[in-house]
PDB file of N, CA and C in Angstrom:
ATOM      1  N   MET A   1      58.795  -0.658  53.961  1.00  0.00           N
ATOM      2  CA  MET A   1      58.484  -1.501  52.685  1.00  0.00           C
ATOM      3  C   MET A   1      59.751  -2.804  52.551  1.00  0.00           C
ATOM      4  N   ALA A   2      59.341  -4.232  52.047  1.00  0.00           N
ATOM      5  CA  ALA A   2      60.342  -5.294  52.178  1.00  0.00           C
ATOM      6  C   ALA A   2      62.028  -4.630  50.638  1.00  0.00           C
ATOM      7  N   ARG A   3      62.323  -5.461  50.620  1.00  0.00           N
ATOM      8  CA  ARG A   3      62.984  -5.348  49.254  1.00  0.00           C
ATOM      9  C   ARG A   3      62.794  -7.003  49.094  1.00  0.00           C
ATOM     10  N   VAL A   4      62.301  -7.078  48.463  1.00  0.00           N
ATOM     11  CA  VAL A   4      61.721  -8.852  47.818  1.00  0.00           C
ATOM     12  C   VAL A   4      63.097  -9.288  46.782  1.00  0.00           C
ATOM     13  N   PHE A   5      63.837 -10.167  47.014  1.00  0.00           N
ATOM     14  CA  PHE A   5      64.121 -10.863  45.815  1.00  0.00           C
ATOM     15  C   PHE A   5      63.580 -11.758  44.944  1.00  0.00           C
ATOM     16  N   ILE A   6      63.600 -11.711  44.023  1.00  0.00           N
ATOM     17  CA  ILE A   6      62.797 -12.768  43.162  1.00  0.00           C
ATOM     18  C   ILE A   6      63.138 -13.533  43.212  1.00  0.00           C
ATOM     19  N   PRO A   7      63.048 -15.134  43.320  1.00  0.00           N
ATOM     20  CA  PRO A   7      63.785 -16.440  43.023  1.00  0.00           C
ATOM     21  C   PRO A   7      63.549 -16.573  41.319  1.00  0.00           C
ATOM     22  N   HIS A   8      64.475 -17.083  41.313  1.00  0.00           N
ATOM     23  CA  HIS A   8      64.718 -17.149  39.487  1.00  0.00           C
ATOM     24  C   HIS A   8      63.274 -17.712  38.819  1.00  0.00           C
ATOM     25  N   ALA A   9      62.430 -19.013  39.559  1.00  0.00           N
ATOM     26  CA  ALA A   9      61.634 -19.616  39.253  1.00  0.00           C
ATOM     27  C   ALA A   9      59.908 -18.408  39.126  1.00  0.00           C
ATOM     28  N   MET A  10      60.524 -17.808  39.720  1.00  0.00           N
ATOM     29  CA  MET A  10      59.395 -16.783  39.465  1.00  0.00           C
ATOM     30  C   MET A  10      59.554 -15.359  38.596  1.00  0.00           C
ATOM     31  N   ARG A  11      60.532 -15.468  38.151  1.00  0.00           N
ATOM     32  CA  ARG A  11      61.275 -14.026  37.477  1.00  0.00           C
ATOM     33  C   ARG A  11      60.565 -14.176  36.121  1.00  0.00           C
ATOM     34  N   LYS A  12      59.806 -14.990  35.578  1.00  0.00           N
ATOM     35  CA  LYS A  12      58.563 -14.878  34.433  1.00  0.00           C
ATOM     36  C   LYS A  12      57.922 -13.843  34.599  1.00  0.00           C
ATOM     37  N   LEU A  13      57.294 -13.501  35.750  1.00  0.00           N
ATOM     38  CA  LEU A  13      56.098 -13.025  36.118  1.00  0.00           C
ATOM     39  C   LEU A  13      56.831 -11.201  36.423  1.00  0.00           C
ATOM     40  N   THR A  14      58.102 -11.359  36.900  1.00  0.00           N
ATOM     41  CA  THR A  14      58.479  -9.978  37.023  1.00  0.00           C
ATOM     42  C   THR A  14      59.151  -8.943  35.752  1.00  0.00           C
ATOM     43  N   ASN A  15      58.921 -10.280  34.749  1.00  0.00           N
ATOM     44  CA  ASN A  15      59.945  -9.594  33.204  1.00  0.00           C
ATOM     45  C   ASN A  15      61.259  -9.575  33.389  1.00  0.00           C
ATOM     46  N   GLY A  16      61.602 -10.646  34.255  1.00  0.00           N
ATOM     47  CA  GLY A  16      63.407 -10.497  34.705  1.00  0.00           C
ATOM     48  C   GLY A  16      63.819  -9.671  35.948  1.00  0.00           C
ATOM     49  N   GLN A  17      62.594  -9.041  36.824  1.00  0.00           N
ATOM     50  CA  GLN A  17      63.176  -8.434  37.143  1.00  0.00           C
ATOM     51  C   GLN A  17      63.652  -9.404  38.295  1.00  0.00           C
ATOM     52  N   LEU A  18      64.583  -8.405  39.347  1.00  0.00           N
ATOM     53  CA  LEU A  18      65.217  -9.401  39.963  1.00  0.00           C
ATOM     54  C   LEU A  18      65.413  -9.367  41.625  1.00  0.00           C
ATOM     55  N   GLU A  19      64.241  -7.853  41.994  1.00  0.00           N
ATOM     56  CA  GLU A  19      64.236  -7.374  43.128  1.00  0.00           C
ATOM     57  C   GLU A  19      62.797  -6.266  42.807  1.00  0.00           C
ATOM     58  N   ALA A  20      62.148  -6.198  44.155  1.00  0.00           N
ATOM     59  CA  ALA A  20      61.000  -5.301  44.160  1.00  0.00           C
ATOM     60  C   ALA A  20      60.989  -4.557  45.214  1.00  0.00           C
ATOM     61  N   GLN A  21      60.678  -3.353  45.389  1.00  0.00           N
ATOM     62  CA  GLN A  21      60.303  -2.897  47.138  1.00  0.00           C
ATOM     63  C   GLN A  21      59.065  -3.064  47.100  1.00  0.00           C
ATOM     64  N   ILE A  22      58.313  -3.809  48.163  1.00  0.00           N
ATOM     65  CA  ILE A  22      56.806  -4.804  48.381  1.00  0.00           C
ATOM     66  C   ILE A  22      56.307  -3.886  49.551  1.00  0.00           C
ATOM     67  N   PRO A  23      55.164  -3.212  49.716  1.00  0.00           N
ATOM     68  CA  PRO A  23      55.290  -2.822  50.896  1.00  0.00           C
ATOM     69  C   PRO A  23      54.033  -4.053  52.261  1.00  0.00           C
ATOM     70  N   GLY A  24      53.961  -3.922  53.275  1.00  0.00           N
ATOM     71  CA  GLY A  24      53.746  -5.214  54.202  1.00  0.00           C
ATOM     72  C   GLY A  24      54.391  -4.486  56.001  1.00  0.00           C
ATOM     73  N   LYS A  25      53.512  -5.054  56.728  1.00  0.00           N
ATOM     74  CA  LYS A  25      53.721  -5.179  58.197  1.00  0.00           C
ATOM     75  C   LYS A  25      54.035  -6.688  58.530  1.00  0.00           C
ATOM     76  N   ASN A  26      53.742  -7.244  57.366  1.00  0.00           N
ATOM     77  CA  ASN A  26      54.553  -8.936  57.765  1.00  0.00           C
ATOM     78  C   ASN A  26      54.444  -9.294  56.059  1.00  0.00           C
ATOM     79  N   LEU A  27      55.026 -11.085  56.627  1.00  0.00           N
ATOM     80  CA  LEU A  27      54.961 -11.431  55.236  1.00  0.00           C
ATOM     81  C   LEU A  27      54.317 -11.416  54.694  1.00  0.00           C
ATOM     82  N   ARG A  28      53.274 -11.925  55.528  1.00  0.00           N
ATOM     83  CA  ARG A  28      51.587 -12.434  54.583  1.00  0.00           C
ATOM     84  C   ARG A  28      51.426 -10.936  53.843  1.00  0.00           C
ATOM     85  N   GLU A  29      51.174 -10.170  54.325  1.00  0.00           N
ATOM     86  CA  GLU A  29      51.094  -8.694  53.257  1.00  0.00           C
ATOM     87  C   GLU A  29      52.041  -8.330  52.393  1.00  0.00           C
ATOM     88  N   VAL A  30      53.015  -8.382  52.755  1.00  0.00           N
ATOM     89  CA  VAL A  30      54.262  -8.392  51.400  1.00  0.00           C
ATOM     90  C   VAL A  30      53.419  -9.529  50.532  1.00  0.00           C
ATOM     91  N   ILE A  31      53.523 -11.174  50.729  1.00  0.00           N
ATOM     92  CA  ILE A  31      53.263 -11.614  49.682  1.00  0.00           C
ATOM     93  C   ILE A  31      52.393 -11.280  49.014  1.00  0.00           C
ATOM     94  N   GLU A  32      50.834 -10.892  49.776  1.00  0.00           N
ATOM     95  CA  GLU A  32      49.291 -10.337  49.090  1.00  0.00           C
ATOM     96  C   GLU A  32      49.914  -9.088  48.077  1.00  0.00           C
ATOM     97  N   ASN A  33      50.351  -8.405  48.687  1.00  0.00           N
ATOM     98  CA  ASN A  33      51.312  -7.075  47.791  1.00  0.00           C
ATOM     99  C   ASN A  33      52.055  -7.478  46.731  1.00  0.00           C
ATOM    100  N   LEU A  34      53.017  -8.192  46.513  1.00  0.00           N
ATOM    101  CA  LEU A  34      54.132  -9.060  45.511  1.00  0.00           C
ATOM    102  C   LEU A  34      52.397  -9.202  45.081  1.00  0.00           C
ATOM    103  N   GLU A  35      51.816 -10.378  45.474  1.00  0.00           N
ATOM    104  CA  GLU A  35      50.984 -11.130  44.217  1.00  0.00           C
ATOM    105  C   GLU A  35      49.950  -9.548  43.618  1.00  0.00           C
ATOM    106  N   LYS A  36      49.535  -8.690  44.166  1.00  0.00           N
ATOM    107  CA  LYS A  36      48.994  -7.139  43.028  1.00  0.00           C
ATOM    108  C   LYS A  36      49.924  -6.809  42.121  1.00  0.00           C
ATOM    109  N   GLU A  37      50.862  -6.981  42.768  1.00  0.00           N
ATOM    110  CA  GLU A  37      51.753  -6.200  41.571  1.00  0.00           C
ATOM    111  C   GLU A  37      52.176  -7.071  40.695  1.00  0.00           C
ATOM    112  N   PHE A  38      52.311  -8.488  40.951  1.00  0.00           N
ATOM    113  CA  PHE A  38      53.064  -9.398  39.671  1.00  0.00           C
ATOM    114  C   PHE A  38      52.023 -10.826  40.092  1.00  0.00           C
ATOM    115  N   PRO A  39      50.736 -10.689  39.581  1.00  0.00           N
ATOM    116  CA  PRO A  39      49.749 -11.586  39.220  1.00  0.00           C
ATOM    117  C   PRO A  39      50.738 -13.310  38.899  1.00  0.00           C
ATOM    118  N   GLY A  40      50.332 -14.386  40.039  1.00  0.00           N
ATOM    119  CA  GLY A  40      50.127 -15.278  40.132  1.00  0.00           C
ATOM    120  C   GLY A  40      51.855 -15.556  41.577  1.00  0.00           C
ATOM    121  N   ALA A  41      52.323 -14.930  41.743  1.00  0.00           N
ATOM    122  CA  ALA A  41      53.264 -14.998  42.831  1.00  0.00           C
ATOM    123  C   ALA A  41      52.844 -15.555  43.818  1.00  0.00           C
ATOM    124  N   ALA A  42      51.448 -15.366  44.416  1.00  0.00           N
ATOM    125  CA  ALA A  42      51.269 -16.186  45.408  1.00  0.00           C
ATOM    126  C   ALA A  42      51.104 -16.979  45.311  1.00  0.00           C
ATOM    127  N   GLU A  43      50.418 -17.594  44.387  1.00  0.00           N
ATOM    128  CA  GLU A  43      50.557 -19.124  43.769  1.00  0.00           C
ATOM    129  C   GLU A  43      52.027 -20.126  43.461  1.00  0.00           C
ATOM    130  N   TYR A  44      52.619 -18.966  43.261  1.00  0.00           N
ATOM    131  CA  TYR A  44      54.139 -19.849  43.094  1.00  0.00           C
ATOM    132  C   TYR A  44      54.896 -20.495  44.786  1.00  0.00           C
ATOM    133  N   LEU A  45      54.305 -18.935  45.803  1.00  0.00           N
ATOM    134  CA  LEU A  45      54.682 -19.470  47.231  1.00  0.00           C
ATOM    135  C   LEU A  45      53.711 -19.466  48.102  1.00  0.00           C
ATOM    136  N   LEU A  46      52.768 -19.682  47.944  1.00  0.00           N
ATOM    137  CA  LEU A  46      51.825 -20.285  48.905  1.00  0.00           C
ATOM    138  C   LEU A  46      51.009 -21.537  48.506  1.00  0.00           C
ATOM    139  N   GLN A  47      50.371 -22.422  49.339  1.00  0.00           N
ATOM    140  CA  GLN A  47      49.171 -23.609  49.651  1.00  0.00           C
ATOM    141  C   GLN A  47      48.492 -23.645  50.892  1.00  0.00           C
ATOM    142  N   ASP A  48      47.127 -23.207  50.629  1.00  0.00           N
ATOM    143  CA  ASP A  48      46.406 -23.573  51.624  1.00  0.00           C
ATOM    144  C   ASP A  48      46.704 -22.319  52.833  1.00  0.00           C
ATOM    145  N   GLY A  49      47.162 -21.330  52.267  1.00  0.00           N
ATOM    146  CA  GLY A  49      47.202 -20.076  52.849  1.00  0.00           C
ATOM    147  C   GLY A  49      48.492 -19.594  53.800  1.00  0.00           C
ATOM    148  N   ASN A  50      49.830 -20.845  53.129  1.00  0.00           N
ATOM    149  CA  ASN A  50      50.665 -21.132  54.599  1.00  0.00           C
ATOM    150  C   ASN A  50      51.761 -20.712  53.116  1.00  0.00           C
ATOM    151  N   LEU A  51      52.623 -20.815  53.329  1.00  0.00           N
ATOM    152  CA  LEU A  51      54.155 -21.118  52.482  1.00  0.00           C
ATOM    153  C   LEU A  51      53.990 -22.543  52.085  1.00  0.00           C
ATOM    154  N   LYS A  52      54.217 -22.656  50.743  1.00  0.00           N
ATOM    155  CA  LYS A  52      54.395 -24.035  50.614  1.00  0.00           C
ATOM    156  C   LYS A  52      55.436 -25.258  51.022  1.00  0.00           C
ATOM    157  N   PRO A  53      55.029 -26.306  51.077  1.00  0.00           N
ATOM    158  CA  PRO A  53      56.111 -26.982  51.572  1.00  0.00           C
ATOM    159  C   PRO A  53      57.500 -26.842  50.419  1.00  0.00           C
ATOM    160  N   GLY A  54      58.737 -26.775  50.878  1.00  0.00           N
ATOM    161  CA  GLY A  54      59.713 -26.895  50.549  1.00  0.00           C
ATOM    162  C   GLY A  54      59.882 -25.291  49.554  1.00  0.00           C
ATOM    163  N   ILE A  55      59.019 -24.842  50.266  1.00  0.00           N
ATOM    164  CA  ILE A  55      59.855 -23.110  50.016  1.00  0.00           C
ATOM    165  C   ILE A  55      60.215 -22.290  51.509  1.00  0.00           C
ATOM    166  N   ALA A  56      61.567 -21.862  51.525  1.00  0.00           N
ATOM    167  CA  ALA A  56      61.322 -21.173  53.181  1.00  0.00           C
ATOM    168  C   ALA A  56      61.821 -19.915  52.528  1.00  0.00           C
ATOM    169  N   ALA A  57      61.411 -19.348  53.284  1.00  0.00           N
ATOM    170  CA  ALA A  57      61.547 -17.223  53.384  1.00  0.00           C
ATOM    171  C   ALA A  57      62.914 -16.641  54.803  1.00  0.00           C
ATOM    172  N   VAL A  58      63.321 -16.015  54.472  1.00  0.00           N
ATOM    173  CA  VAL A  58      64.656 -15.161  54.659  1.00  0.00           C
ATOM    174  C   VAL A  58      64.011 -14.318  55.096  1.00  0.00           C
ATOM    175  N   VAL A  59      64.117 -12.966  56.463  1.00  0.00           N
ATOM    176  CA  VAL A  59      63.680 -12.016  56.654  1.00  0.00           C
ATOM    177  C   VAL A  59      64.657 -11.355  57.320  1.00  0.00           C
ATOM    178  N   GLY A  60      65.061 -10.439  56.640  1.00  0.00           N
ATOM    179  CA  GLY A  60      66.628  -9.603  57.014  1.00  0.00           C
ATOM    180  C   GLY A  60      67.897 -10.859  57.435  1.00  0.00           C
ATOM    181  N   GLU A  61      68.252 -11.168  58.175  1.00  0.00           N
ATOM    182  CA  GLU A  61      68.957 -12.322  58.108  1.00  0.00           C
ATOM    183  C   GLU A  61      68.433 -13.805  58.714  1.00  0.00           C
ATOM    184  N   GLN A  62      67.714 -13.671  58.964  1.00  0.00           N
ATOM    185  CA  GLN A  62      67.528 -15.328  59.704  1.00  0.00           C
ATOM    186  C   GLN A  62      66.262 -15.613  58.698  1.00  0.00           C
ATOM    187  N   ALA A  63      66.123 -17.377  58.859  1.00  0.00           N
ATOM    188  CA  ALA A  63      64.723 -17.452  58.101  1.00  0.00           C
ATOM    189  C   ALA A  63      64.006 -17.819  59.401  1.00  0.00           C
ATOM    190  N   THR A  64      62.953 -17.516  58.316  1.00  0.00           N
ATOM    191  CA  THR A  64      61.498 -17.220  59.470  1.00  0.00           C
ATOM    192  C   THR A  64      60.959 -19.060  60.461  1.00  0.00           C
ATOM    193  N   ARG A  65      60.512 -18.451  61.581  1.00  0.00           N
ATOM    194  CA  ARG A  65      59.978 -19.588  62.035  1.00  0.00           C
ATOM    195  C   ARG A  65      58.138 -19.422  62.412  1.00  0.00           C
ATOM    196  N   GLN A  66      58.250 -17.786  61.893  1.00  0.00           N
ATOM    197  CA  GLN A  66      56.723 -17.482  62.287  1.00  0.00           C
ATOM    198  C   GLN A  66      55.536 -17.497  61.296  1.00  0.00           C
ATOM    199  N   GLY A  67      56.355 -17.947  60.212  1.00  0.00           N
ATOM    200  CA  GLY A  67      55.761 -18.368  58.880  1.00  0.00           C
ATOM    201  C   GLY A  67      55.014 -16.592  58.464  1.00  0.00           C
ATOM    202  N   LEU A  68      54.291 -16.400  57.801  1.00  0.00           N
ATOM    203  CA  LEU A  68      53.241 -15.775  57.292  1.00  0.00           C
ATOM    204  C   LEU A  68      53.096 -14.399  58.301  1.00  0.00           C
ATOM    205  N   LEU A  69      52.970 -14.657  59.610  1.00  0.00           N
ATOM    206  CA  LEU A  69      53.215 -13.765  60.483  1.00  0.00           C
ATOM    207  C   LEU A  69      54.178 -13.496  61.527  1.00  0.00           C
ATOM    208  N   HIS A  70      55.649 -13.087  59.996  1.00  0.00           N
ATOM    209  CA  HIS A  70      56.920 -12.456  61.223  1.00  0.00           C
ATOM    210  C   HIS A  70      56.977 -11.550  60.156  1.00  0.00           C
ATOM    211  N   LYS A  71      56.618 -10.112  61.027  1.00  0.00           N
ATOM    212  CA  LYS A  71      56.877  -8.746  61.336  1.00  0.00           C
ATOM    213  C   LYS A  71      58.199  -8.251  60.093  1.00  0.00           C
ATOM    214  N   ILE A  72      57.964  -7.203  59.383  1.00  0.00           N
ATOM    215  CA  ILE A  72      58.973  -6.580  58.571  1.00  0.00           C
ATOM    216  C   ILE A  72      59.419  -5.299  59.798  1.00  0.00           C
ATOM    217  N   ASP A  73      60.772  -5.286  60.140  1.00  0.00           N
ATOM    218  CA  ASP A  73      60.450  -4.294  61.425  1.00  0.00           C
ATOM    219  C   ASP A  73      60.565  -2.905  60.514  1.00  0.00           C
ATOM    220  N   ASP A  74      61.668  -2.182  59.124  1.00  0.00           N
ATOM    221  CA  ASP A  74      61.442  -1.334  58.745  1.00  0.00           C
ATOM    222  C   ASP A  74      62.135  -1.449  57.525  1.00  0.00           C
ATOM    223  N   ASP A  75      62.026  -0.357  56.872  1.00  0.00           N
ATOM    224  CA  ASP A  75      62.365  -0.083  55.759  1.00  0.00           C
ATOM    225  C   ASP A  75      63.612  -0.605  54.977  1.00  0.00           C
ATOM    226  N   ASN A  76      63.235  -1.031  54.028  1.00  0.00           N
ATOM    227  CA  ASN A  76      64.369  -1.983  53.026  1.00  0.00           C
ATOM    228  C   ASN A  76      64.868  -3.211  54.181  1.00  0.00           C
ATOM    229  N   THR A  77      64.201  -3.930  54.471  1.00  0.00           N
ATOM    230  CA  THR A  77      64.423  -5.587  55.539  1.00  0.00           C
ATOM    231  C   THR A  77      64.401  -5.997  53.539  1.00  0.00           C
ATOM    232  N   GLU A  78      65.455  -6.807  53.907  1.00  0.00           N
ATOM    233  CA  GLU A  78      65.484  -7.686  52.539  1.00  0.00           C
ATOM    234  C   GLU A  78      64.326  -9.163  53.116  1.00  0.00           C
ATOM    235  N   VAL A  79      63.640  -9.645  52.369  1.00  0.00           N
ATOM    236  CA  VAL A  79      63.111 -10.654  52.056  1.00  0.00           C
ATOM    237  C   VAL A  79      63.831 -11.474  50.859  1.00  0.00           C
ATOM    238  N   HIS A  80      64.229 -12.913  51.080  1.00  0.00           N
ATOM    239  CA  HIS A  80      64.257 -14.036  50.432  1.00  0.00           C
ATOM    240  C   HIS A  80      63.499 -15.136  50.250  1.00  0.00           C
ATOM    241  N   PHE A  81      62.721 -15.481  49.274  1.00  0.00           N
ATOM    242  CA  PHE A  81      62.327 -16.810  49.201  1.00  0.00           C
ATOM    243  C   PHE A  81      62.613 -17.883  48.438  1.00  0.00           C
ATOM    244  N   LEU A  82      63.673 -19.344  49.632  1.00  0.00           N
ATOM    245  CA  LEU A  82      64.088 -19.945  48.373  1.00  0.00           C
ATOM    246  C   LEU A  82      63.792 -21.228  48.400  1.00  0.00           C
ATOM    247  N   PRO A  83      63.383 -21.971  47.212  1.00  0.00           N
ATOM    248  CA  PRO A  83      63.107 -23.334  46.828  1.00  0.00           C
ATOM    249  C   PRO A  83      63.898 -23.856  47.620  1.00  0.00           C
ATOM    250  N   ALA A  84      63.963 -25.106  48.479  1.00  0.00           N
ATOM    251  CA  ALA A  84      64.271 -26.399  48.506  1.00  0.00           C
ATOM    252  C   ALA A  84      64.874 -26.909  47.590  1.00  0.00           C
ATOM    253  N   ILE A  85      66.371 -27.424  48.444  1.00  0.00           N
ATOM    254  CA  ILE A  85      67.507 -27.614  46.898  1.00  0.00           C
ATOM    255  C   ILE A  85      67.261 -29.782  47.916  1.00  0.00           C
ATOM    256  N   ALA A  86      67.145 -30.430  46.738  1.00  0.00           N
ATOM    257  CA  ALA A  86      66.675 -31.866  46.675  1.00  0.00           C
ATOM    258  C   ALA A  86      67.830 -32.705  46.583  1.00  0.00           C
ATOM    259  N   GLY A  87      68.425 -33.862  46.834  1.00  0.00           N
ATOM    260  CA  GLY A  87      69.266 -34.795  46.315  1.00  0.00           C
ATOM    261  C   GLY A  87      69.754 -35.167  47.233  1.00  0.00           C
ATOM    262  N   GLY A  88      70.651 -36.668  46.983  1.00  0.00           N
ATOM    263  CA  GLY A  88      71.202 -37.024  47.682  1.00  0.00           C
ATOM    264  C   GLY A  88      72.526 -37.478  47.638  1.00  0.00           C
TER     265      GLY A  88
END
């Protein structure tokens, strides 16, 4: 299972819950299962079957370069979804 940290903007879907234990062998399965538990999560995170532009995923300690295919290696792997920060 992944230990998914819920982004602030998604917490209205989770009734303010800050994190959730979500099963999945890769990032795609984690998001699918997150959607089952918290309807609307996939709409926040995905566009055309990929992570939305402006959303980064960090699995363990590194940003994923494999996108939704990034494997979840063990129990309690941390997953963070981070919105892009813009400005100048």
